[in-house]
Amino acid sequence: LDGKTGLVVSGRREALGLHPLQEKEFTLPVGPDLEVRLDRFNRSQESYYCNDVFDGKDKIINQYFAVDGKVSIELLEEPQEFGDTYRLHLILEAIRFEDDSGREVELDHAQFEAVQVGWLPG
């Protein structure tokens, strides 16, 4: 991925049946409870989705949604007391993305270890 493309993995922990220290694998597409997509921006990004640093000039010019592939998720802990954040391992394998025009992008493998996810008020 280049500096203009952000990878988005968005899911609902409860709806997906995720529990700490249990790895779960999903075949894409799953439905509204797990979305995997690529957002293509008009310029390089320093922070793709943090609205604390949003300057209003960044625009998503195209989106590619996952239509095939596998996602493995392992929660490492329960959500923290100070917000709805927690850590997880995430592995994406053989993901095929497609935009509204039918253009395809493939991602062979991506792995994220002990990444903090969720929402933190601030």
C-alpha atoms as a PDB file:
ATOM      1  CA  LEU A   1       0.000   0.000   0.000  1.00  0.00           C
ATOM      2  CA  ASP A   2       1.196   3.503  -0.715  1.00  0.00           C
ATOM      3  CA  GLY A   3       0.839   6.613   1.442  1.00  0.00           C
ATOM      4  CA  LYS A   4      -2.481   7.481  -0.179  1.00  0.00           C
ATOM      5  CA  THR A   5      -4.228   4.214   0.688  1.00  0.00           C
ATOM      6  CA  GLY A   6      -5.621   3.201   4.061  1.00  0.00           C
ATOM      7  CA  LEU A   7      -6.663  -0.298   5.078  1.00  0.00           C
ATOM      8  CA  VAL A   8      -9.872  -0.396   7.120  1.00  0.00           C
ATOM      9  CA  VAL A   9     -11.000  -3.414   9.132  1.00  0.00           C
ATOM     10  CA  SER A  10     -14.176  -2.638  11.027  1.00  0.00           C
ATOM     11  CA  GLY A  11     -16.142  -5.118  13.067  1.00  0.00           C
ATOM     12  CA  ARG A  12     -18.456  -5.593  15.991  1.00  0.00           C
ATOM     13  CA  ARG A  13     -16.787  -7.788  18.601  1.00  0.00           C
ATOM     14  CA  GLU A  14     -20.007  -9.117  20.123  1.00  0.00           C
ATOM     15  CA  ALA A  15     -21.741  -9.822  16.809  1.00  0.00           C
ATOM     16  CA  LEU A  16     -18.674 -11.715  15.550  1.00  0.00           C
ATOM     17  CA  GLY A  17     -18.501 -13.824  18.707  1.00  0.00           C
ATOM     18  CA  LEU A  18     -14.955 -12.761  19.568  1.00  0.00           C
ATOM     19  CA  HIS A  19     -13.638 -13.705  23.006  1.00  0.00           C
ATOM     20  CA  PRO A  20     -10.217 -13.056  24.578  1.00  0.00           C
ATOM     21  CA  LEU A  21      -7.453 -15.537  23.745  1.00  0.00           C
ATOM     22  CA  GLN A  22      -9.491 -17.329  21.081  1.00  0.00           C
ATOM     23  CA  GLU A  23      -8.573 -16.976  17.420  1.00  0.00           C
ATOM     24  CA  LYS A  24     -11.462 -16.917  14.978  1.00  0.00           C
ATOM     25  CA  GLU A  25     -11.288 -17.104  11.177  1.00  0.00           C
ATOM     26  CA  PHE A  26     -13.736 -15.504   8.758  1.00  0.00           C
ATOM     27  CA  THR A  27     -14.216 -15.963   5.016  1.00  0.00           C
ATOM     28  CA  LEU A  28     -15.027 -12.698   3.252  1.00  0.00           C
ATOM     29  CA  PRO A  29     -17.427 -11.171   2.666  1.00  0.00           C
ATOM     30  CA  VAL A  30     -19.023 -11.649   6.097  1.00  0.00           C
ATOM     31  CA  GLY A  31     -21.710  -8.962   6.042  1.00  0.00           C
ATOM     32  CA  PRO A  32     -22.317  -5.810   8.051  1.00  0.00           C
ATOM     33  CA  ASP A  33     -20.598  -7.141  11.193  1.00  0.00           C
ATOM     34  CA  LEU A  34     -17.137  -7.270   9.543  1.00  0.00           C
ATOM     35  CA  GLU A  35     -16.042  -4.899   6.797  1.00  0.00           C
ATOM     36  CA  VAL A  36     -12.632  -4.897   5.127  1.00  0.00           C
ATOM     37  CA  ARG A  37     -11.871  -2.160   2.612  1.00  0.00           C
ATOM     38  CA  LEU A  38      -9.222   0.084   1.111  1.00  0.00           C
ATOM     39  CA  ASP A  39      -9.772   3.851   1.143  1.00  0.00           C
ATOM     40  CA  ARG A  40      -7.871   5.786  -1.525  1.00  0.00           C
ATOM     41  CA  PHE A  41      -7.203   9.437  -0.590  1.00  0.00           C
ATOM     42  CA  ASN A  42      -6.437  12.457  -2.765  1.00  0.00           C
ATOM     43  CA  ARG A  43      -3.028  12.900  -1.101  1.00  0.00           C
ATOM     44  CA  SER A  44      -0.607  11.161   1.245  1.00  0.00           C
ATOM     45  CA  GLN A  45      -1.808  10.828   4.813  1.00  0.00           C
ATOM     46  CA  GLU A  46      -0.021  11.164   8.126  1.00  0.00           C
ATOM     47  CA  SER A  47      -3.041  10.007  10.091  1.00  0.00           C
ATOM     48  CA  TYR A  48      -5.797   8.343   8.092  1.00  0.00           C
ATOM     49  CA  TYR A  49      -8.709   8.315  10.496  1.00  0.00           C
ATOM     50  CA  CYS A  50      -7.827  10.336  13.596  1.00  0.00           C
ATOM     51  CA  ASN A  51     -10.174  13.310  13.614  1.00  0.00           C
ATOM     52  CA  ASP A  52      -7.915  15.118  16.110  1.00  0.00           C
ATOM     53  CA  VAL A  53      -5.572  15.988  13.209  1.00  0.00           C
ATOM     54  CA  PHE A  54      -8.102  16.284  10.366  1.00  0.00           C
ATOM     55  CA  ASP A  55      -7.538  19.444   8.304  1.00  0.00           C
ATOM     56  CA  GLY A  56     -10.528  19.157   5.960  1.00  0.00           C
ATOM     57  CA  LYS A  57      -8.418  18.887   2.794  1.00  0.00           C
ATOM     58  CA  ASP A  58      -8.206  15.100   2.834  1.00  0.00           C
ATOM     59  CA  LYS A  59     -10.805  13.389   0.677  1.00  0.00           C
ATOM     60  CA  ILE A  60     -11.513   9.739  -0.037  1.00  0.00           C
ATOM     61  CA  ILE A  61     -11.535   9.486  -3.836  1.00  0.00           C
ATOM     62  CA  ASN A  62     -12.216   5.748  -4.155  1.00  0.00           C
ATOM     63  CA  GLN A  63     -13.070   2.737  -2.015  1.00  0.00           C
ATOM     64  CA  TYR A  64     -12.353  -0.928  -2.665  1.00  0.00           C
ATOM     65  CA  PHE A  65     -14.386  -3.456  -0.677  1.00  0.00           C
ATOM     66  CA  ALA A  66     -13.195  -6.981   0.129  1.00  0.00           C
ATOM     67  CA  VAL A  67     -15.084  -9.557  -1.917  1.00  0.00           C
ATOM     68  CA  ASP A  68     -12.954 -12.609  -1.146  1.00  0.00           C
ATOM     69  CA  GLY A  69     -10.259 -13.767   1.272  1.00  0.00           C
ATOM     70  CA  LYS A  70      -9.722 -14.773   4.883  1.00  0.00           C
ATOM     71  CA  VAL A  71      -9.404 -12.770   8.083  1.00  0.00           C
ATOM     72  CA  SER A  72      -8.155 -14.199  11.384  1.00  0.00           C
ATOM     73  CA  ILE A  73      -8.749 -12.229  14.581  1.00  0.00           C
ATOM     74  CA  GLU A  74      -7.546 -12.979  18.092  1.00  0.00           C
ATOM     75  CA  LEU A  75      -8.534 -10.713  20.974  1.00  0.00           C
ATOM     76  CA  LEU A  76      -5.733 -10.414  23.501  1.00  0.00           C
ATOM     77  CA  GLU A  77      -7.715  -8.792  26.309  1.00  0.00           C
ATOM     78  CA  GLU A  78     -11.053  -7.442  27.438  1.00  0.00           C
ATOM     79  CA  PRO A  79     -11.831  -3.770  26.691  1.00  0.00           C
ATOM     80  CA  GLN A  80      -9.986  -1.348  28.971  1.00  0.00           C
ATOM     81  CA  GLU A  81     -11.799   0.533  31.738  1.00  0.00           C
ATOM     82  CA  PHE A  82     -10.986   4.029  30.402  1.00  0.00           C
ATOM     83  CA  GLY A  83     -12.564   3.465  26.999  1.00  0.00           C
ATOM     84  CA  ASP A  84     -13.712   0.838  24.580  1.00  0.00           C
ATOM     85  CA  THR A  85     -10.204  -0.128  23.425  1.00  0.00           C
ATOM     86  CA  TYR A  86      -8.394  -3.440  23.457  1.00  0.00           C
ATOM     87  CA  ARG A  87      -5.553  -5.231  21.678  1.00  0.00           C
ATOM     88  CA  LEU A  88      -5.768  -7.921  19.036  1.00  0.00           C
ATOM     89  CA  HIS A  89      -3.815  -9.859  16.424  1.00  0.00           C
ATOM     90  CA  LEU A  90      -5.135  -9.572  12.883  1.00  0.00           C
ATOM     91  CA  ILE A  91      -4.112 -11.601   9.825  1.00  0.00           C
ATOM     92  CA  LEU A  92      -5.440 -10.944   6.316  1.00  0.00           C
ATOM     93  CA  GLU A  93      -4.836 -13.599   3.633  1.00  0.00           C
ATOM     94  CA  ALA A  94      -5.494 -13.516  -0.123  1.00  0.00           C
ATOM     95  CA  ILE A  95      -7.873 -10.559   0.042  1.00  0.00           C
ATOM     96  CA  ARG A  96      -9.443  -9.463  -3.237  1.00  0.00           C
ATOM     97  CA  PHE A  97     -10.915  -5.961  -3.236  1.00  0.00           C
ATOM     98  CA  GLU A  98     -13.230  -4.463  -5.834  1.00  0.00           C
ATOM     99  CA  ASP A  99     -14.456  -0.907  -6.393  1.00  0.00           C
ATOM    100  CA  ASP A 100     -17.810   0.218  -7.822  1.00  0.00           C
ATOM    101  CA  SER A 101     -16.388   0.118 -11.360  1.00  0.00           C
ATOM    102  CA  GLY A 102     -15.215  -3.480 -11.013  1.00  0.00           C
ATOM    103  CA  ARG A 103     -11.505  -2.641 -10.722  1.00  0.00           C
ATOM    104  CA  GLU A 104      -9.680  -5.121  -8.519  1.00  0.00           C
ATOM    105  CA  VAL A 105      -6.821  -4.874  -6.049  1.00  0.00           C
ATOM    106  CA  GLU A 106      -5.256  -7.868  -4.318  1.00  0.00           C
ATOM    107  CA  LEU A 107      -3.525  -8.085  -0.960  1.00  0.00           C
ATOM    108  CA  ASP A 108      -1.613 -11.341  -0.491  1.00  0.00           C
ATOM    109  CA  HIS A 109      -0.874 -11.022   3.215  1.00  0.00           C
ATOM    110  CA  ALA A 110      -0.971  -8.462   6.001  1.00  0.00           C
ATOM    111  CA  GLN A 111      -0.379  -9.119   9.677  1.00  0.00           C
ATOM    112  CA  PHE A 112      -0.828  -6.824  12.659  1.00  0.00           C
ATOM    113  CA  GLU A 113       0.386  -7.907  16.098  1.00  0.00           C
ATOM    114  CA  ALA A 114      -1.012  -6.598  19.383  1.00  0.00           C
ATOM    115  CA  VAL A 115      -2.565  -3.579  17.707  1.00  0.00           C
ATOM    116  CA  GLN A 116      -4.778  -1.303  19.807  1.00  0.00           C
ATOM    117  CA  VAL A 117      -8.279  -0.956  18.380  1.00  0.00           C
ATOM    118  CA  GLY A 118     -11.581   0.525  19.434  1.00  0.00           C
ATOM    119  CA  TRP A 119     -12.639   3.983  20.421  1.00  0.00           C
ATOM    120  CA  LEU A 120     -11.026   6.216  23.026  1.00  0.00           C
ATOM    121  CA  PRO A 121     -12.883   9.387  24.058  1.00  0.00           C
ATOM    122  CA  GLY A 122     -10.761  12.476  23.836  1.00  0.00           C
END
